[in-house]
PDB file of N, CA and C in Angstrom:
ATOM      1  N   MET A   1       0.842  -1.173   0.000  1.00  0.00           N
ATOM      2  CA  MET A   1       0.000   0.000   0.000  1.00  0.00           C
ATOM      3  C   MET A   1       0.884   1.232   0.000  1.00  0.00           C
ATOM      4  N   LYS A   2       0.705   2.070  -0.999  1.00  0.00           N
ATOM      5  CA  LYS A   2       1.496   3.289  -1.111  1.00  0.00           C
ATOM      6  C   LYS A   2       0.662   4.478  -0.661  1.00  0.00           C
ATOM      7  N   SER A   3       1.315   5.382   0.043  1.00  0.00           N
ATOM      8  CA  SER A   3       0.604   6.598   0.442  1.00  0.00           C
ATOM      9  C   SER A   3       0.997   7.722  -0.501  1.00  0.00           C
ATOM     10  N   LYS A   4       0.025   8.463  -0.915  1.00  0.00           N
ATOM     11  CA  LYS A   4       0.293   9.591  -1.800  1.00  0.00           C
ATOM     12  C   LYS A   4       0.625  10.807  -0.954  1.00  0.00           C
ATOM     13  N   SER A   5       1.621  11.548  -1.402  1.00  0.00           N
ATOM     14  CA  SER A   5       1.937  12.781  -0.679  1.00  0.00           C
ATOM     15  C   SER A   5       0.967  13.864  -1.138  1.00  0.00           C
ATOM     16  N   TYR A   6       0.549  14.637  -0.208  1.00  0.00           N
ATOM     17  CA  TYR A   6      -0.428  15.687  -0.488  1.00  0.00           C
ATOM     18  C   TYR A   6       0.220  17.023  -0.184  1.00  0.00           C
ATOM     19  N   ILE A   7       0.331  17.847  -1.185  1.00  0.00           N
ATOM     20  CA  ILE A   7       0.951  19.157  -1.012  1.00  0.00           C
ATOM     21  C   ILE A   7      -0.140  20.207  -0.902  1.00  0.00           C
ATOM     22  N   VAL A   8      -0.069  20.983   0.152  1.00  0.00           N
ATOM     23  CA  VAL A   8      -1.030  22.055   0.360  1.00  0.00           C
ATOM     24  C   VAL A   8      -0.358  23.362  -0.042  1.00  0.00           C
ATOM     25  N   THR A   9      -0.892  23.980  -1.065  1.00  0.00           N
ATOM     26  CA  THR A   9      -0.328  25.255  -1.500  1.00  0.00           C
ATOM     27  C   THR A   9      -0.845  26.377  -0.614  1.00  0.00           C
ATOM     28  N   ARG A  10      -0.168  27.483  -0.631  1.00  0.00           N
ATOM     29  CA  ARG A  10      -0.608  28.634   0.166  1.00  0.00           C
ATOM     30  C   ARG A  10      -1.987  29.108  -0.267  1.00  0.00           C
ATOM     31  N   GLU A  11      -2.240  29.076  -1.560  1.00  0.00           N
ATOM     32  CA  GLU A  11      -3.538  29.519  -2.058  1.00  0.00           C
ATOM     33  C   GLU A  11      -4.654  28.635  -1.503  1.00  0.00           C
ATOM     34  N   ASN A  12      -4.418  27.320  -1.476  1.00  0.00           N
ATOM     35  CA  ASN A  12      -5.423  26.400  -0.933  1.00  0.00           C
ATOM     36  C   ASN A  12      -5.599  26.610   0.566  1.00  0.00           C
ATOM     37  N   GLN A  13      -4.493  26.798   1.263  1.00  0.00           N
ATOM     38  CA  GLN A  13      -4.566  26.977   2.713  1.00  0.00           C
ATOM     39  C   GLN A  13      -5.316  28.256   3.056  1.00  0.00           C
ATOM     40  N   PHE A  14      -4.971  29.353   2.431  1.00  0.00           N
ATOM     41  CA  PHE A  14      -5.629  30.615   2.729  1.00  0.00           C
ATOM     42  C   PHE A  14      -7.046  30.653   2.191  1.00  0.00           C
ATOM     43  N   GLY A  15      -7.309  29.942   1.114  1.00  0.00           N
ATOM     44  CA  GLY A  15      -8.660  29.868   0.569  1.00  0.00           C
ATOM     45  C   GLY A  15      -9.612  29.184   1.529  1.00  0.00           C
ATOM     46  N   SER A  16      -9.155  28.097   2.152  1.00  0.00           N
ATOM     47  CA  SER A  16     -10.021  27.400   3.098  1.00  0.00           C
ATOM     48  C   SER A  16     -10.245  28.244   4.356  1.00  0.00           C
ATOM     49  N   LYS A  17      -9.230  28.985   4.779  1.00  0.00           N
ATOM     50  CA  LYS A  17      -9.406  29.867   5.931  1.00  0.00           C
ATOM     51  C   LYS A  17     -10.414  30.971   5.611  1.00  0.00           C
ATOM     52  N   LYS A  18     -10.365  31.470   4.379  1.00  0.00           N
ATOM     53  CA  LYS A  18     -11.293  32.522   3.974  1.00  0.00           C
ATOM     54  C   LYS A  18     -12.732  32.019   4.006  1.00  0.00           C
ATOM     55  N   VAL A  19     -12.950  30.787   3.553  1.00  0.00           N
ATOM     56  CA  VAL A  19     -14.295  30.192   3.560  1.00  0.00           C
ATOM     57  C   VAL A  19     -14.798  30.051   4.996  1.00  0.00           C
ATOM     58  N   ILE A  20     -13.937  29.585   5.887  1.00  0.00           N
ATOM     59  CA  ILE A  20     -14.328  29.408   7.289  1.00  0.00           C
ATOM     60  C   ILE A  20     -14.645  30.756   7.930  1.00  0.00           C
ATOM     61  N   ARG A  21     -13.814  31.755   7.679  1.00  0.00           N
ATOM     62  CA  ARG A  21     -14.055  33.084   8.262  1.00  0.00           C
ATOM     63  C   ARG A  21     -15.315  33.723   7.718  1.00  0.00           C
ATOM     64  N   THR A  22     -15.586  33.522   6.429  1.00  0.00           N
ATOM     65  CA  THR A  22     -16.810  34.070   5.833  1.00  0.00           C
ATOM     66  C   THR A  22     -18.035  33.419   6.458  1.00  0.00           C
ATOM     67  N   ALA A  23     -17.983  32.102   6.644  1.00  0.00           N
ATOM     68  CA  ALA A  23     -19.111  31.398   7.257  1.00  0.00           C
ATOM     69  C   ALA A  23     -19.321  31.869   8.694  1.00  0.00           C
ATOM     70  N   ALA A  24     -18.239  32.086   9.425  1.00  0.00           N
ATOM     71  CA  ALA A  24     -18.352  32.566  10.801  1.00  0.00           C
ATOM     72  C   ALA A  24     -18.924  33.982  10.840  1.00  0.00           C
ATOM     73  N   ALA A  25     -18.530  34.808   9.898  1.00  0.00           N
ATOM     74  CA  ALA A  25     -19.032  36.183   9.863  1.00  0.00           C
ATOM     75  C   ALA A  25     -20.518  36.232   9.524  1.00  0.00           C
ATOM     76  N   MET A  26     -20.988  35.275   8.742  1.00  0.00           N
ATOM     77  CA  MET A  26     -22.388  35.265   8.327  1.00  0.00           C
ATOM     78  C   MET A  26     -23.295  34.554   9.331  1.00  0.00           C
ATOM     79  N   ALA A  27     -22.717  33.959  10.357  1.00  0.00           N
ATOM     80  CA  ALA A  27     -23.507  33.241  11.360  1.00  0.00           C
ATOM     81  C   ALA A  27     -24.355  34.226  12.168  1.00  0.00           C
ATOM     82  N   PRO A  28     -25.499  33.776  12.668  1.00  0.00           N
ATOM     83  CA  PRO A  28     -26.328  34.645  13.492  1.00  0.00           C
ATOM     84  C   PRO A  28     -25.615  35.020  14.793  1.00  0.00           C
ATOM     85  N   ILE A  29     -26.006  36.136  15.359  1.00  0.00           N
ATOM     86  CA  ILE A  29     -25.362  36.650  16.574  1.00  0.00           C
ATOM     87  C   ILE A  29     -25.465  35.659  17.729  1.00  0.00           C
ATOM     88  N   GLU A  30     -26.535  34.894  17.772  1.00  0.00           N
ATOM     89  CA  GLU A  30     -26.706  33.916  18.848  1.00  0.00           C
ATOM     90  C   GLU A  30     -25.604  32.863  18.813  1.00  0.00           C
ATOM     91  N   GLN A  31     -25.286  32.388  17.605  1.00  0.00           N
ATOM     92  CA  GLN A  31     -24.222  31.394  17.457  1.00  0.00           C
ATOM     93  C   GLN A  31     -22.872  31.992  17.830  1.00  0.00           C
ATOM     94  N   LYS A  32     -22.661  33.244  17.455  1.00  0.00           N
ATOM     95  CA  LYS A  32     -21.402  33.902  17.779  1.00  0.00           C
ATOM     96  C   LYS A  32     -21.235  34.034  19.292  1.00  0.00           C
ATOM     97  N   LEU A  33     -22.317  34.387  19.978  1.00  0.00           N
ATOM     98  CA  LEU A  33     -22.252  34.503  21.439  1.00  0.00           C
ATOM     99  C   LEU A  33     -21.999  33.158  22.093  1.00  0.00           C
ATOM    100  N   GLU A  34     -22.640  32.099  21.593  1.00  0.00           N
ATOM    101  CA  GLU A  34     -22.411  30.767  22.145  1.00  0.00           C
ATOM    102  C   GLU A  34     -20.945  30.360  21.991  1.00  0.00           C
ATOM    103  N   LYS A  35     -20.362  30.627  20.818  1.00  0.00           N
ATOM    104  CA  LYS A  35     -18.945  30.305  20.594  1.00  0.00           C
ATOM    105  C   LYS A  35     -18.064  31.109  21.538  1.00  0.00           C
ATOM    106  N   LEU A  36     -18.397  32.386  21.729  1.00  0.00           N
ATOM    107  CA  LEU A  36     -17.617  33.240  22.614  1.00  0.00           C
ATOM    108  C   LEU A  36     -17.646  32.719  24.048  1.00  0.00           C
ATOM    109  N   VAL A  37     -18.817  32.331  24.524  1.00  0.00           N
ATOM    110  CA  VAL A  37     -18.946  31.823  25.890  1.00  0.00           C
ATOM    111  C   VAL A  37     -18.205  30.491  26.026  1.00  0.00           C
ATOM    112  N   GLN A  38     -18.244  29.650  24.993  1.00  0.00           N
ATOM    113  CA  GLN A  38     -17.492  28.394  25.023  1.00  0.00           C
ATOM    114  C   GLN A  38     -15.998  28.672  25.173  1.00  0.00           C
ATOM    115  N   LEU A  39     -15.500  29.644  24.414  1.00  0.00           N
ATOM    116  CA  LEU A  39     -14.083  29.996  24.510  1.00  0.00           C
ATOM    117  C   LEU A  39     -13.746  30.585  25.874  1.00  0.00           C
ATOM    118  N   GLN A  40     -14.670  31.377  26.440  1.00  0.00           N
ATOM    119  CA  GLN A  40     -14.450  31.937  27.778  1.00  0.00           C
ATOM    120  C   GLN A  40     -14.365  30.824  28.821  1.00  0.00           C
ATOM    121  N   LYS A  41     -15.243  29.822  28.704  1.00  0.00           N
ATOM    122  CA  LYS A  41     -15.226  28.698  29.648  1.00  0.00           C
ATOM    123  C   LYS A  41     -13.918  27.932  29.541  1.00  0.00           C
ATOM    124  N   LEU A  42     -13.480  27.670  28.317  1.00  0.00           N
ATOM    125  CA  LEU A  42     -12.235  26.961  28.104  1.00  0.00           C
ATOM    126  C   LEU A  42     -11.053  27.744  28.672  1.00  0.00           C
ATOM    127  N   SER A  43     -11.029  29.027  28.418  1.00  0.00           N
ATOM    128  CA  SER A  43      -9.956  29.880  28.927  1.00  0.00           C
ATOM    129  C   SER A  43      -9.944  29.903  30.450  1.00  0.00           C
ATOM    130  N   SER A  44     -11.114  29.982  31.048  1.00  0.00           N
ATOM    131  CA  SER A  44     -11.216  30.005  32.505  1.00  0.00           C
ATOM    132  C   SER A  44     -10.720  28.696  33.112  1.00  0.00           C
ATOM    133  N   GLU A  45     -11.109  27.571  32.501  1.00  0.00           N
ATOM    134  CA  GLU A  45     -10.670  26.258  33.000  1.00  0.00           C
ATOM    135  C   GLU A  45      -9.157  26.105  32.891  1.00  0.00           C
ATOM    136  N   LEU A  46      -8.598  26.543  31.780  1.00  0.00           N
ATOM    137  CA  LEU A  46      -7.144  26.446  31.605  1.00  0.00           C
ATOM    138  C   LEU A  46      -6.408  27.325  32.606  1.00  0.00           C
ATOM    139  N   ALA A  47      -6.938  28.507  32.859  1.00  0.00           N
ATOM    140  CA  ALA A  47      -6.307  29.402  33.831  1.00  0.00           C
ATOM    141  C   ALA A  47      -6.325  28.779  35.221  1.00  0.00           C
ATOM    142  N   GLN A  48      -7.443  28.176  35.601  1.00  0.00           N
ATOM    143  CA  GLN A  48      -7.547  27.533  36.910  1.00  0.00           C
ATOM    144  C   GLN A  48      -6.591  26.354  37.023  1.00  0.00           C
ATOM    145  N   GLN A  49      -6.461  25.580  35.958  1.00  0.00           N
ATOM    146  CA  GLN A  49      -5.572  24.417  35.987  1.00  0.00           C
ATOM    147  C   GLN A  49      -4.111  24.817  36.119  1.00  0.00           C
ATOM    148  N   THR A  50      -3.756  25.975  35.609  1.00  0.00           N
ATOM    149  CA  THR A  50      -2.368  26.418  35.690  1.00  0.00           C
ATOM    150  C   THR A  50      -2.118  27.316  36.888  1.00  0.00           C
ATOM    151  N   GLY A  51      -3.146  27.515  37.722  1.00  0.00           N
ATOM    152  CA  GLY A  51      -2.981  28.301  38.936  1.00  0.00           C
ATOM    153  C   GLY A  51      -3.056  29.800  38.740  1.00  0.00           C
ATOM    154  N   ARG A  52      -3.562  30.224  37.582  1.00  0.00           N
ATOM    155  CA  ARG A  52      -3.707  31.655  37.334  1.00  0.00           C
ATOM    156  C   ARG A  52      -5.145  32.084  37.605  1.00  0.00           C
ATOM    157  N   LYS A  53      -5.296  33.359  37.855  1.00  0.00           N
ATOM    158  CA  LYS A  53      -6.643  33.885  38.052  1.00  0.00           C
ATOM    159  C   LYS A  53      -7.206  34.261  36.684  1.00  0.00           C
ATOM    160  N   GLY A  54      -8.311  33.653  36.331  1.00  0.00           N
ATOM    161  CA  GLY A  54      -8.947  33.942  35.054  1.00  0.00           C
ATOM    162  C   GLY A  54     -10.287  34.611  35.255  1.00  0.00           C
ATOM    163  N   LYS A  55     -10.745  35.247  34.197  1.00  0.00           N
ATOM    164  CA  LYS A  55     -12.059  35.880  34.259  1.00  0.00           C
ATOM    165  C   LYS A  55     -13.140  34.805  34.197  1.00  0.00           C
ATOM    166  N   THR A  56     -14.236  35.057  34.872  1.00  0.00           N
ATOM    167  CA  THR A  56     -15.348  34.108  34.823  1.00  0.00           C
ATOM    168  C   THR A  56     -16.137  34.321  33.535  1.00  0.00           C
ATOM    169  N   PRO A  57     -16.602  33.230  32.936  1.00  0.00           N
ATOM    170  CA  PRO A  57     -17.384  33.354  31.699  1.00  0.00           C
ATOM    171  C   PRO A  57     -18.702  34.079  31.943  1.00  0.00           C
ATOM    172  N   TRP A  58     -19.219  34.682  30.897  1.00  0.00           N
ATOM    173  CA  TRP A  58     -20.498  35.364  30.984  1.00  0.00           C
ATOM    174  C   TRP A  58     -21.589  34.353  31.313  1.00  0.00           C
ATOM    175  N   PRO A  59     -22.537  34.716  32.160  1.00  0.00           N
ATOM    176  CA  PRO A  59     -23.637  33.789  32.483  1.00  0.00           C
ATOM    177  C   PRO A  59     -24.739  33.848  31.413  1.00  0.00           C
ATOM    178  N   VAL A  60     -24.469  33.216  30.275  1.00  0.00           N
ATOM    179  CA  VAL A  60     -25.422  33.222  29.164  1.00  0.00           C
ATOM    180  C   VAL A  60     -25.949  31.815  28.980  1.00  0.00           C
ATOM    181  N   ARG A  61     -27.258  31.708  28.856  1.00  0.00           N
ATOM    182  CA  ARG A  61     -27.875  30.394  28.651  1.00  0.00           C
ATOM    183  C   ARG A  61     -27.716  29.983  27.191  1.00  0.00           C
ATOM    184  N   SER A  62     -27.496  28.718  26.971  1.00  0.00           N
ATOM    185  CA  SER A  62     -27.350  28.176  25.632  1.00  0.00           C
ATOM    186  C   SER A  62     -28.727  28.047  24.994  1.00  0.00           C
ATOM    187  N   THR A  63     -28.838  28.411  23.714  1.00  0.00           N
ATOM    188  CA  THR A  63     -30.113  28.298  23.013  1.00  0.00           C
ATOM    189  C   THR A  63     -30.145  27.078  22.116  1.00  0.00           C
ATOM    190  N   SER A  64     -29.003  26.396  21.960  1.00  0.00           N
ATOM    191  CA  SER A  64     -28.980  25.209  21.101  1.00  0.00           C
ATOM    192  C   SER A  64     -29.604  24.025  21.838  1.00  0.00           C
ATOM    193  N   PRO A  65     -30.234  23.116  21.073  1.00  0.00           N
ATOM    194  CA  PRO A  65     -30.890  21.960  21.718  1.00  0.00           C
ATOM    195  C   PRO A  65     -29.915  20.973  22.290  1.00  0.00           C
TER     196      PRO A  65
END
């Protein structure tokens, strides 16, 4: 079994990032807030694990099922 090498060009790499960023920008504000709170929770947990004082995440209820 031979494995094919896959070369990722800069154009392909930046093109896929552009698609992801465009999709994120077009997302509804509710989804953006949920992602932000998820990142805040992750950051807070990491800060606590390393013994640093971190900010507490916003108390926002999730609207996703």
